[in-house]
Amino acid sequence: MESKLDPLHNLFFSHLAHGHMIPTIDMARVSARQGVKATILTTHLNAFFFSKVIKRDKKLGFEIDIVMIKFPSMEAGLLEGIENISSITSQEMGYKLFKAVRLLQQPLQHVLKDCHPNCLVADGMFPWATKVARKVGIPRLVFYGTSYLACCVLDSFLRYEPLKDVTSNDQLFEVPGIPNKIMMIGLQRAVELINIPFPCAYIYHF
């Protein structure tokens, strides 16, 4: 008699922002509907935003669950209850929240050891998650909420540095290394919360 194989088990770990959590939760739910066991790792306050829909899926018979870890607010100098980017009201709070996020490496490792997933699907905002997954001997998939085109443009900026020849915000320049000709104009600093310069501009396709 053939023994029944355990289902593939993926653990999903989203960045603590609604724009990242929503697609991550959707991926976990789709996985569960395809017969994959899905575990969502988050903090207590963030679990509140989607726990009802996960409970509903479980009642329908899908193997999906939430594992919660304590967010180290106080260790990072934040007030208790600050566990999501939507709660940030200053640049200083932003720095502290990202410091707290980096402190989640050890809790993540403990959860991986306890849950024994086959794969970790972790947000691109957690570059250290690859090292954590390697320590427990499982692969890590990276989730980027940004579109593929935007990721390619960012890679081009980092690889070819087209902005070094841009002298004004109105100057039109081509994004190198992209199959289609893409021109951009202007330069703004987005993601000021974590002080990362990111090119935001009007995009023209030729």
C-alpha atoms as a PDB file:
ATOM      1  CA  MET A   1       0.000   0.000   0.000  1.00  0.00           C
ATOM      2  CA  GLU A   2       1.427   3.382  -0.992  1.00  0.00           C
ATOM      3  CA  SER A   3       2.044   5.835   1.817  1.00  0.00           C
ATOM      4  CA  LYS A   4       0.597   9.304   1.466  1.00  0.00           C
ATOM      5  CA  LEU A   5       3.254  11.968   0.924  1.00  0.00           C
ATOM      6  CA  ASP A   6       3.213  15.092   3.060  1.00  0.00           C
ATOM      7  CA  PRO A   7       2.230  18.216   1.103  1.00  0.00           C
ATOM      8  CA  LEU A   8       4.851  20.752   0.107  1.00  0.00           C
ATOM      9  CA  HIS A   9       5.118  23.317   2.895  1.00  0.00           C
ATOM     10  CA  ASN A  10       6.008  26.966   2.166  1.00  0.00           C
ATOM     11  CA  LEU A  11       6.470  29.640   4.804  1.00  0.00           C
ATOM     12  CA  PHE A  12       5.626  33.207   3.708  1.00  0.00           C
ATOM     13  CA  PHE A  13       7.248  36.177   5.431  1.00  0.00           C
ATOM     14  CA  SER A  14       6.120  39.612   4.247  1.00  0.00           C
ATOM     15  CA  HIS A  15       7.545  43.044   4.874  1.00  0.00           C
ATOM     16  CA  LEU A  16       5.495  44.914   7.468  1.00  0.00           C
ATOM     17  CA  ALA A  17       3.640  47.200   5.094  1.00  0.00           C
ATOM     18  CA  HIS A  18       0.158  46.745   3.663  1.00  0.00           C
ATOM     19  CA  GLY A  19       1.378  47.044   0.076  1.00  0.00           C
ATOM     20  CA  HIS A  20       3.654  44.054   0.674  1.00  0.00           C
ATOM     21  CA  MET A  21       1.390  42.055   2.960  1.00  0.00           C
ATOM     22  CA  ILE A  22      -1.638  41.954   0.652  1.00  0.00           C
ATOM     23  CA  PRO A  23       0.092  40.266  -2.329  1.00  0.00           C
ATOM     24  CA  THR A  24       2.044  37.958  -0.007  1.00  0.00           C
ATOM     25  CA  ILE A  25      -1.146  36.788   1.683  1.00  0.00           C
ATOM     26  CA  ASP A  26      -2.722  36.303  -1.752  1.00  0.00           C
ATOM     27  CA  MET A  27       0.223  34.110  -2.793  1.00  0.00           C
ATOM     28  CA  ALA A  28      -0.116  32.031   0.363  1.00  0.00           C
ATOM     29  CA  ARG A  29      -3.853  31.564  -0.216  1.00  0.00           C
ATOM     30  CA  VAL A  30      -3.369  30.587  -3.860  1.00  0.00           C
ATOM     31  CA  SER A  31      -0.690  28.094  -2.792  1.00  0.00           C
ATOM     32  CA  ALA A  32      -3.041  26.537  -0.246  1.00  0.00           C
ATOM     33  CA  ARG A  33      -5.730  26.179  -2.919  1.00  0.00           C
ATOM     34  CA  GLN A  34      -3.213  24.271  -5.038  1.00  0.00           C
ATOM     35  CA  GLY A  35      -2.610  21.736  -2.275  1.00  0.00           C
ATOM     36  CA  VAL A  36       0.465  23.372  -0.750  1.00  0.00           C
ATOM     37  CA  LYS A  37       0.616  23.806   3.005  1.00  0.00           C
ATOM     38  CA  ALA A  38       1.057  27.547   3.616  1.00  0.00           C
ATOM     39  CA  THR A  39       2.276  29.166   6.808  1.00  0.00           C
ATOM     40  CA  ILE A  40       2.266  32.950   7.126  1.00  0.00           C
ATOM     41  CA  LEU A  41       4.755  34.477   9.539  1.00  0.00           C
ATOM     42  CA  THR A  42       3.954  37.910  10.920  1.00  0.00           C
ATOM     43  CA  THR A  43       3.657  39.918  14.123  1.00  0.00           C
ATOM     44  CA  HIS A  44       0.632  40.041  16.404  1.00  0.00           C
ATOM     45  CA  LEU A  45      -0.733  43.411  15.332  1.00  0.00           C
ATOM     46  CA  ASN A  46      -0.169  42.765  11.620  1.00  0.00           C
ATOM     47  CA  ALA A  47      -1.981  39.422  11.854  1.00  0.00           C
ATOM     48  CA  PHE A  48      -5.126  41.341  12.779  1.00  0.00           C
ATOM     49  CA  PHE A  49      -5.420  42.717   9.231  1.00  0.00           C
ATOM     50  CA  PHE A  50      -5.870  39.336   7.552  1.00  0.00           C
ATOM     51  CA  SER A  51      -6.604  36.730  10.255  1.00  0.00           C
ATOM     52  CA  LYS A  52     -10.346  36.564   9.441  1.00  0.00           C
ATOM     53  CA  VAL A  53      -9.820  35.573   5.815  1.00  0.00           C
ATOM     54  CA  ILE A  54      -7.241  32.957   6.811  1.00  0.00           C
ATOM     55  CA  LYS A  55      -9.658  31.468   9.349  1.00  0.00           C
ATOM     56  CA  ARG A  56     -12.303  31.316   6.628  1.00  0.00           C
ATOM     57  CA  ASP A  57      -9.896  29.484   4.308  1.00  0.00           C
ATOM     58  CA  LYS A  58      -9.085  26.999   7.063  1.00  0.00           C
ATOM     59  CA  LYS A  59     -12.782  26.286   7.585  1.00  0.00           C
ATOM     60  CA  LEU A  60     -12.999  25.505   3.876  1.00  0.00           C
ATOM     61  CA  GLY A  61     -10.373  22.813   4.393  1.00  0.00           C
ATOM     62  CA  PHE A  62      -7.254  24.506   3.081  1.00  0.00           C
ATOM     63  CA  GLU A  63      -3.956  23.955   4.896  1.00  0.00           C
ATOM     64  CA  ILE A  64      -3.064  27.514   5.778  1.00  0.00           C
ATOM     65  CA  ASP A  65      -2.088  29.011   9.100  1.00  0.00           C
ATOM     66  CA  ILE A  66      -0.544  32.025  10.796  1.00  0.00           C
ATOM     67  CA  VAL A  67       2.493  31.933  13.072  1.00  0.00           C
ATOM     68  CA  MET A  68       3.107  35.066  15.093  1.00  0.00           C
ATOM     69  CA  ILE A  69       6.344  36.427  16.484  1.00  0.00           C
ATOM     70  CA  LYS A  70       6.878  39.305  18.887  1.00  0.00           C
ATOM     71  CA  PHE A  71       7.972  42.499  17.189  1.00  0.00           C
ATOM     72  CA  PRO A  72      10.984  43.991  19.039  1.00  0.00           C
ATOM     73  CA  SER A  73       9.586  47.504  19.274  1.00  0.00           C
ATOM     74  CA  MET A  74      11.173  48.437  22.585  1.00  0.00           C
ATOM     75  CA  GLU A  75      14.537  46.904  21.672  1.00  0.00           C
ATOM     76  CA  ALA A  76      14.664  49.247  18.678  1.00  0.00           C
ATOM     77  CA  GLY A  77      13.489  52.293  20.649  1.00  0.00           C
ATOM     78  CA  LEU A  78       9.892  52.267  19.398  1.00  0.00           C
ATOM     79  CA  LEU A  79       6.709  52.462  21.432  1.00  0.00           C
ATOM     80  CA  GLU A  80       4.723  49.248  21.778  1.00  0.00           C
ATOM     81  CA  GLY A  81       2.147  48.963  19.034  1.00  0.00           C
ATOM     82  CA  ILE A  82       4.382  50.289  16.243  1.00  0.00           C
ATOM     83  CA  GLU A  83       4.659  47.233  13.981  1.00  0.00           C
ATOM     84  CA  ASN A  84       3.765  48.532  10.528  1.00  0.00           C
ATOM     85  CA  ILE A  85       5.073  51.242   8.209  1.00  0.00           C
ATOM     86  CA  SER A  86       1.611  52.836   8.260  1.00  0.00           C
ATOM     87  CA  SER A  87       2.288  53.771  11.909  1.00  0.00           C
ATOM     88  CA  ILE A  88       5.473  55.694  11.085  1.00  0.00           C
ATOM     89  CA  THR A  89       5.191  59.472  11.436  1.00  0.00           C
ATOM     90  CA  SER A  90       8.829  60.574  11.203  1.00  0.00           C
ATOM     91  CA  GLN A  91      12.104  59.628   9.564  1.00  0.00           C
ATOM     92  CA  GLU A  92      13.559  58.727  12.968  1.00  0.00           C
ATOM     93  CA  MET A  93      10.711  56.278  13.585  1.00  0.00           C
ATOM     94  CA  GLY A  94      11.383  54.815  10.136  1.00  0.00           C
ATOM     95  CA  TYR A  95      15.004  54.122  11.007  1.00  0.00           C
ATOM     96  CA  LYS A  96      13.964  52.475  14.258  1.00  0.00           C
ATOM     97  CA  LEU A  97      11.352  50.304  12.555  1.00  0.00           C
ATOM     98  CA  PHE A  98      13.921  49.017  10.079  1.00  0.00           C
ATOM     99  CA  LYS A  99      16.290  48.361  12.974  1.00  0.00           C
ATOM    100  CA  ALA A 100      13.542  46.303  14.623  1.00  0.00           C
ATOM    101  CA  VAL A 101      12.963  44.400  11.380  1.00  0.00           C
ATOM    102  CA  ARG A 102      16.655  43.412  11.290  1.00  0.00           C
ATOM    103  CA  LEU A 103      16.241  42.005  14.801  1.00  0.00           C
ATOM    104  CA  LEU A 104      13.729  39.465  13.429  1.00  0.00           C
ATOM    105  CA  GLN A 105      16.498  37.252  12.030  1.00  0.00           C
ATOM    106  CA  GLN A 106      16.784  35.091  15.147  1.00  0.00           C
ATOM    107  CA  PRO A 107      13.001  34.682  15.626  1.00  0.00           C
ATOM    108  CA  LEU A 108      12.701  33.721  11.948  1.00  0.00           C
ATOM    109  CA  GLN A 109      15.362  31.055  12.372  1.00  0.00           C
ATOM    110  CA  HIS A 110      13.560  29.613  15.403  1.00  0.00           C
ATOM    111  CA  VAL A 111      10.262  29.452  13.491  1.00  0.00           C
ATOM    112  CA  LEU A 112      11.908  27.711  10.530  1.00  0.00           C
ATOM    113  CA  LYS A 113      13.385  25.106  12.853  1.00  0.00           C
ATOM    114  CA  ASP A 114      10.024  24.545  14.565  1.00  0.00           C
ATOM    115  CA  CYS A 115       7.816  24.510  11.454  1.00  0.00           C
ATOM    116  CA  HIS A 116      10.177  22.599   9.096  1.00  0.00           C
ATOM    117  CA  PRO A 117       8.944  24.219   5.851  1.00  0.00           C
ATOM    118  CA  ASN A 118      10.348  23.089   2.520  1.00  0.00           C
ATOM    119  CA  CYS A 119      10.871  26.656   1.346  1.00  0.00           C
ATOM    120  CA  LEU A 120      10.939  30.214   2.673  1.00  0.00           C
ATOM    121  CA  VAL A 121       9.206  32.878   0.574  1.00  0.00           C
ATOM    122  CA  ALA A 122      10.555  36.098   2.069  1.00  0.00           C
ATOM    123  CA  ASP A 123      10.152  39.707   1.069  1.00  0.00           C
ATOM    124  CA  GLY A 124      12.900  41.412  -0.903  1.00  0.00           C
ATOM    125  CA  MET A 125      13.204  43.912   1.967  1.00  0.00           C
ATOM    126  CA  PHE A 126      14.765  41.096   4.024  1.00  0.00           C
ATOM    127  CA  PRO A 127      18.126  40.449   2.287  1.00  0.00           C
ATOM    128  CA  TRP A 128      19.323  38.614   5.396  1.00  0.00           C
ATOM    129  CA  ALA A 129      16.565  35.987   5.019  1.00  0.00           C
ATOM    130  CA  THR A 130      18.685  34.079   2.487  1.00  0.00           C
ATOM    131  CA  LYS A 131      21.378  33.512   5.096  1.00  0.00           C
ATOM    132  CA  VAL A 132      18.787  32.439   7.681  1.00  0.00           C
ATOM    133  CA  ALA A 133      17.214  29.944   5.259  1.00  0.00           C
ATOM    134  CA  ARG A 134      20.651  28.566   4.383  1.00  0.00           C
ATOM    135  CA  LYS A 135      21.359  27.944   8.073  1.00  0.00           C
ATOM    136  CA  VAL A 136      18.363  25.612   8.326  1.00  0.00           C
ATOM    137  CA  GLY A 137      19.033  24.005   4.961  1.00  0.00           C
ATOM    138  CA  ILE A 138      16.080  25.197   2.863  1.00  0.00           C
ATOM    139  CA  PRO A 139      15.826  27.375  -0.271  1.00  0.00           C
ATOM    140  CA  ARG A 140      14.642  30.955  -0.117  1.00  0.00           C
ATOM    141  CA  LEU A 141      12.496  32.601  -2.798  1.00  0.00           C
ATOM    142  CA  VAL A 142      12.468  36.404  -2.979  1.00  0.00           C
ATOM    143  CA  PHE A 143       9.195  38.315  -3.328  1.00  0.00           C
ATOM    144  CA  TYR A 144       9.359  41.785  -4.881  1.00  0.00           C
ATOM    145  CA  GLY A 145       6.159  43.806  -4.890  1.00  0.00           C
ATOM    146  CA  THR A 146       7.645  46.112  -7.501  1.00  0.00           C
ATOM    147  CA  SER A 147       6.868  45.407 -11.145  1.00  0.00           C
ATOM    148  CA  TYR A 148       9.415  43.566 -13.284  1.00  0.00           C
ATOM    149  CA  LEU A 149       9.995  46.652 -15.424  1.00  0.00           C
ATOM    150  CA  ALA A 150      10.750  48.784 -12.370  1.00  0.00           C
ATOM    151  CA  CYS A 151      13.206  46.148 -11.093  1.00  0.00           C
ATOM    152  CA  CYS A 152      14.965  46.139 -14.485  1.00  0.00           C
ATOM    153  CA  VAL A 153      15.196  49.930 -14.496  1.00  0.00           C
ATOM    154  CA  LEU A 154      16.620  49.943 -10.968  1.00  0.00           C
ATOM    155  CA  ASP A 155      19.161  47.279 -11.960  1.00  0.00           C
ATOM    156  CA  SER A 156      20.149  49.463 -14.920  1.00  0.00           C
ATOM    157  CA  PHE A 157      20.673  52.463 -12.621  1.00  0.00           C
ATOM    158  CA  LEU A 158      22.880  50.432 -10.291  1.00  0.00           C
ATOM    159  CA  ARG A 159      24.789  48.694 -13.083  1.00  0.00           C
ATOM    160  CA  TYR A 160      25.347  51.499 -15.618  1.00  0.00           C
ATOM    161  CA  GLU A 161      24.917  54.666 -13.511  1.00  0.00           C
ATOM    162  CA  PRO A 162      23.202  56.721 -16.235  1.00  0.00           C
ATOM    163  CA  LEU A 163      22.541  59.556 -13.796  1.00  0.00           C
ATOM    164  CA  LYS A 164      26.212  60.511 -13.583  1.00  0.00           C
ATOM    165  CA  ASP A 165      25.799  62.466 -16.826  1.00  0.00           C
ATOM    166  CA  VAL A 166      22.467  64.055 -15.878  1.00  0.00           C
ATOM    167  CA  THR A 167      22.929  67.689 -14.886  1.00  0.00           C
ATOM    168  CA  SER A 168      19.329  68.882 -14.433  1.00  0.00           C
ATOM    169  CA  ASN A 169      15.905  67.591 -13.416  1.00  0.00           C
ATOM    170  CA  ASP A 170      14.494  68.292 -16.925  1.00  0.00           C
ATOM    171  CA  GLN A 171      17.214  66.423 -18.815  1.00  0.00           C
ATOM    172  CA  LEU A 172      15.988  63.496 -20.896  1.00  0.00           C
ATOM    173  CA  PHE A 173      18.170  60.393 -20.727  1.00  0.00           C
ATOM    174  CA  GLU A 174      17.962  56.800 -21.937  1.00  0.00           C
ATOM    175  CA  VAL A 175      17.845  53.836 -19.547  1.00  0.00           C
ATOM    176  CA  PRO A 176      20.654  51.539 -20.760  1.00  0.00           C
ATOM    177  CA  GLY A 177      20.513  47.754 -20.920  1.00  0.00           C
ATOM    178  CA  ILE A 178      16.746  47.550 -21.582  1.00  0.00           C
ATOM    179  CA  PRO A 179      15.556  45.820 -24.810  1.00  0.00           C
ATOM    180  CA  ASN A 180      13.086  48.589 -25.707  1.00  0.00           C
ATOM    181  CA  LYS A 181      14.172  52.194 -25.755  1.00  0.00           C
ATOM    182  CA  ILE A 182      13.044  53.803 -22.500  1.00  0.00           C
ATOM    183  CA  MET A 183      13.672  57.455 -21.786  1.00  0.00           C
ATOM    184  CA  MET A 184      13.281  59.093 -18.400  1.00  0.00           C
ATOM    185  CA  ILE A 185      13.173  62.698 -17.354  1.00  0.00           C
ATOM    186  CA  GLY A 186      13.780  64.224 -13.961  1.00  0.00           C
ATOM    187  CA  LEU A 187      15.096  62.826 -10.741  1.00  0.00           C
ATOM    188  CA  GLN A 188      13.377  62.681  -7.384  1.00  0.00           C
ATOM    189  CA  ARG A 189      14.337  61.052  -4.142  1.00  0.00           C
ATOM    190  CA  ALA A 190      11.752  58.519  -3.112  1.00  0.00           C
ATOM    191  CA  VAL A 191      11.894  56.159  -0.166  1.00  0.00           C
ATOM    192  CA  GLU A 192      13.253  59.064   1.891  1.00  0.00           C
ATOM    193  CA  LEU A 193      12.194  57.170   4.980  1.00  0.00           C
ATOM    194  CA  ILE A 194      15.230  54.904   4.690  1.00  0.00           C
ATOM    195  CA  ASN A 195      17.380  57.430   2.798  1.00  0.00           C
ATOM    196  CA  ILE A 196      17.685  55.372  -0.377  1.00  0.00           C
ATOM    197  CA  PRO A 197      17.876  57.464  -3.569  1.00  0.00           C
ATOM    198  CA  PHE A 198      15.471  55.994  -6.125  1.00  0.00           C
ATOM    199  CA  PRO A 199      14.814  57.401  -9.598  1.00  0.00           C
ATOM    200  CA  CYS A 200      11.191  58.420 -10.049  1.00  0.00           C
ATOM    201  CA  ALA A 201      10.192  60.142 -13.219  1.00  0.00           C
ATOM    202  CA  TYR A 202       7.914  60.180 -16.224  1.00  0.00           C
ATOM    203  CA  ILE A 203       8.724  57.254 -18.523  1.00  0.00           C
ATOM    204  CA  TYR A 204       8.487  57.563 -22.301  1.00  0.00           C
ATOM    205  CA  HIS A 205       8.443  54.540 -24.636  1.00  0.00           C
ATOM    206  CA  PHE A 206       9.813  55.030 -28.148  1.00  0.00           C
END
